[in-house]
Amino acid sequence: MKASLMMVACACAGMVFAGSVQAGPIGSACMKGRNAGTTVCGCIDQIADRTLSRADQRRAAGLFKDPDKAQQIRMSDRQADNDFWARYKNFAATAEAYCAR
């Protein structure tokens, strides 16, 4: 599960999103890096809009830039971090299921 979460995060961070579609924080993070196409990046952004609050999207986008932070949150004893991590795992699993097609 940890590997699939990091794959989604790395894939998002490494994609290019072409066009004039307005993207949220995760979509913006998805626009930077390697070329993977607008379809996957747009899909991930839509899943983020459906599964994460704007605050969670901003926090998750930060994880794409700093994957070590994801490990810190995952291992944290703070309830707020644990709650965020559960929501983030749901987002990642949903994005993987719908956007990897």
C-alpha atoms as a PDB file:
ATOM      1  CA  MET A   1       0.000   0.000   0.000  1.00  0.00           C
ATOM      2  CA  LYS A   2       2.825   2.400   0.874  1.00  0.00           C
ATOM      3  CA  ALA A   3       4.395   1.805  -2.537  1.00  0.00           C
ATOM      4  CA  SER A   4       1.133   2.536  -4.368  1.00  0.00           C
ATOM      5  CA  LEU A   5       0.636   5.767  -2.395  1.00  0.00           C
ATOM      6  CA  MET A   6       4.101   6.932  -3.293  1.00  0.00           C
ATOM      7  CA  MET A   7       3.570   5.892  -6.933  1.00  0.00           C
ATOM      8  CA  VAL A   8       0.500   8.112  -7.144  1.00  0.00           C
ATOM      9  CA  ALA A   9       2.351  10.963  -5.461  1.00  0.00           C
ATOM     10  CA  CYS A  10       5.399  10.584  -7.689  1.00  0.00           C
ATOM     11  CA  ALA A  11       3.307  10.149 -10.802  1.00  0.00           C
ATOM     12  CA  CYS A  12       1.355  13.296  -9.983  1.00  0.00           C
ATOM     13  CA  ALA A  13       4.477  15.265  -9.268  1.00  0.00           C
ATOM     14  CA  GLY A  14       6.097  14.146 -12.473  1.00  0.00           C
ATOM     15  CA  MET A  15       3.346  14.843 -15.002  1.00  0.00           C
ATOM     16  CA  VAL A  16       2.713  17.699 -17.386  1.00  0.00           C
ATOM     17  CA  PHE A  17      -0.817  19.048 -17.729  1.00  0.00           C
ATOM     18  CA  ALA A  18      -1.218  20.959 -20.976  1.00  0.00           C
ATOM     19  CA  GLY A  19      -4.077  23.271 -21.810  1.00  0.00           C
ATOM     20  CA  SER A  20      -5.987  25.954 -20.052  1.00  0.00           C
ATOM     21  CA  VAL A  21      -7.932  23.841 -17.580  1.00  0.00           C
ATOM     22  CA  GLN A  22      -7.885  25.359 -14.129  1.00  0.00           C
ATOM     23  CA  ALA A  23      -6.447  22.891 -11.694  1.00  0.00           C
ATOM     24  CA  GLY A  24      -6.590  22.689  -7.935  1.00  0.00           C
ATOM     25  CA  PRO A  25      -3.508  22.297  -5.760  1.00  0.00           C
ATOM     26  CA  ILE A  26      -3.038  18.654  -6.715  1.00  0.00           C
ATOM     27  CA  GLY A  27      -3.666  19.383 -10.381  1.00  0.00           C
ATOM     28  CA  SER A  28      -1.061  22.139 -10.220  1.00  0.00           C
ATOM     29  CA  ALA A  29       1.452  19.762  -8.638  1.00  0.00           C
ATOM     30  CA  CYS A  30       0.549  17.267 -11.338  1.00  0.00           C
ATOM     31  CA  MET A  31       1.362  19.798 -14.062  1.00  0.00           C
ATOM     32  CA  LYS A  32       5.050  19.913 -13.196  1.00  0.00           C
ATOM     33  CA  GLY A  33       7.727  17.454 -14.274  1.00  0.00           C
ATOM     34  CA  ARG A  34       7.659  14.635 -16.791  1.00  0.00           C
ATOM     35  CA  ASN A  35       5.144  14.210 -19.613  1.00  0.00           C
ATOM     36  CA  ALA A  36       2.229  11.891 -18.855  1.00  0.00           C
ATOM     37  CA  GLY A  37      -0.627  13.651 -20.613  1.00  0.00           C
ATOM     38  CA  THR A  38      -3.662  15.638 -19.697  1.00  0.00           C
ATOM     39  CA  THR A  39      -5.986  12.690 -19.255  1.00  0.00           C
ATOM     40  CA  VAL A  40      -4.267  11.156 -16.238  1.00  0.00           C
ATOM     41  CA  CYS A  41      -3.460  14.495 -14.645  1.00  0.00           C
ATOM     42  CA  GLY A  42      -7.021  15.732 -15.100  1.00  0.00           C
ATOM     43  CA  CYS A  43      -8.379  12.491 -13.672  1.00  0.00           C
ATOM     44  CA  ILE A  44      -6.201  12.761 -10.568  1.00  0.00           C
ATOM     45  CA  ASP A  45      -7.305  16.364 -10.076  1.00  0.00           C
ATOM     46  CA  GLN A  46     -10.974  15.345 -10.331  1.00  0.00           C
ATOM     47  CA  ILE A  47     -10.493  12.560  -7.785  1.00  0.00           C
ATOM     48  CA  ALA A  48      -8.800  15.037  -5.436  1.00  0.00           C
ATOM     49  CA  ASP A  49     -11.767  17.401  -5.800  1.00  0.00           C
ATOM     50  CA  ARG A  50     -14.132  14.572  -4.878  1.00  0.00           C
ATOM     51  CA  THR A  51     -12.186  13.032  -1.997  1.00  0.00           C
ATOM     52  CA  LEU A  52     -10.171  15.814  -0.342  1.00  0.00           C
ATOM     53  CA  SER A  53     -10.977  19.234   1.059  1.00  0.00           C
ATOM     54  CA  ARG A  54      -9.072  22.194  -0.380  1.00  0.00           C
ATOM     55  CA  ALA A  55      -6.902  22.260   2.756  1.00  0.00           C
ATOM     56  CA  ASP A  56      -6.110  18.557   2.350  1.00  0.00           C
ATOM     57  CA  GLN A  57      -5.340  19.106  -1.339  1.00  0.00           C
ATOM     58  CA  ARG A  58      -2.842  21.839  -0.468  1.00  0.00           C
ATOM     59  CA  ARG A  59      -1.222  19.604   2.138  1.00  0.00           C
ATOM     60  CA  ALA A  60      -1.114  16.617  -0.245  1.00  0.00           C
ATOM     61  CA  ALA A  61       0.390  18.770  -3.011  1.00  0.00           C
ATOM     62  CA  GLY A  62       3.209  19.583  -0.599  1.00  0.00           C
ATOM     63  CA  LEU A  63       3.886  15.875  -0.231  1.00  0.00           C
ATOM     64  CA  PHE A  64       4.596  15.600  -3.953  1.00  0.00           C
ATOM     65  CA  LYS A  65       7.393  18.142  -3.536  1.00  0.00           C
ATOM     66  CA  ASP A  66       8.738  16.569  -0.336  1.00  0.00           C
ATOM     67  CA  PRO A  67       8.075  12.796  -0.160  1.00  0.00           C
ATOM     68  CA  ASP A  68       9.938  12.581   3.167  1.00  0.00           C
ATOM     69  CA  LYS A  69       7.169  14.677   4.678  1.00  0.00           C
ATOM     70  CA  ALA A  70       4.702  11.920   3.750  1.00  0.00           C
ATOM     71  CA  GLN A  71       6.680   9.464   5.856  1.00  0.00           C
ATOM     72  CA  GLN A  72       6.731  11.910   8.779  1.00  0.00           C
ATOM     73  CA  ILE A  73       2.963  12.324   8.607  1.00  0.00           C
ATOM     74  CA  ARG A  74       2.394   8.590   8.245  1.00  0.00           C
ATOM     75  CA  MET A  75       4.499   7.866  11.333  1.00  0.00           C
ATOM     76  CA  SER A  76       3.152  10.780  13.395  1.00  0.00           C
ATOM     77  CA  ASP A  77       1.384  10.282  16.710  1.00  0.00           C
ATOM     78  CA  ARG A  78      -0.810  13.347  16.176  1.00  0.00           C
ATOM     79  CA  GLN A  79      -4.475  12.540  15.591  1.00  0.00           C
ATOM     80  CA  ALA A  80      -4.784  15.289  12.962  1.00  0.00           C
ATOM     81  CA  ASP A  81      -1.944  13.690  10.983  1.00  0.00           C
ATOM     82  CA  ASN A  82      -3.526  10.245  11.298  1.00  0.00           C
ATOM     83  CA  ASP A  83      -6.870  11.597  10.096  1.00  0.00           C
ATOM     84  CA  PHE A  84      -5.227  13.337   7.132  1.00  0.00           C
ATOM     85  CA  TRP A  85      -3.281  10.182   6.264  1.00  0.00           C
ATOM     86  CA  ALA A  86      -6.490   8.139   6.180  1.00  0.00           C
ATOM     87  CA  ARG A  87      -8.082  10.663   3.802  1.00  0.00           C
ATOM     88  CA  TYR A  88      -4.921  10.767   1.685  1.00  0.00           C
ATOM     89  CA  LYS A  89      -4.829   6.950   1.424  1.00  0.00           C
ATOM     90  CA  ASN A  90      -8.451   6.985   0.265  1.00  0.00           C
ATOM     91  CA  PHE A  91      -7.592   9.614  -2.364  1.00  0.00           C
ATOM     92  CA  ALA A  92      -4.541   7.663  -3.567  1.00  0.00           C
ATOM     93  CA  ALA A  93      -6.411   4.355  -3.794  1.00  0.00           C
ATOM     94  CA  THR A  94      -9.304   5.987  -5.631  1.00  0.00           C
ATOM     95  CA  ALA A  95      -6.985   7.818  -8.036  1.00  0.00           C
ATOM     96  CA  GLU A  96      -5.049   4.625  -8.699  1.00  0.00           C
ATOM     97  CA  ALA A  97      -8.220   2.671  -9.391  1.00  0.00           C
ATOM     98  CA  TYR A  98      -9.839   5.240 -11.700  1.00  0.00           C
ATOM     99  CA  CYS A  99      -6.897   6.977 -13.343  1.00  0.00           C
ATOM    100  CA  ALA A 100      -4.644   4.015 -14.142  1.00  0.00           C
ATOM    101  CA  ARG A 101      -7.033   2.744 -16.811  1.00  0.00           C
END
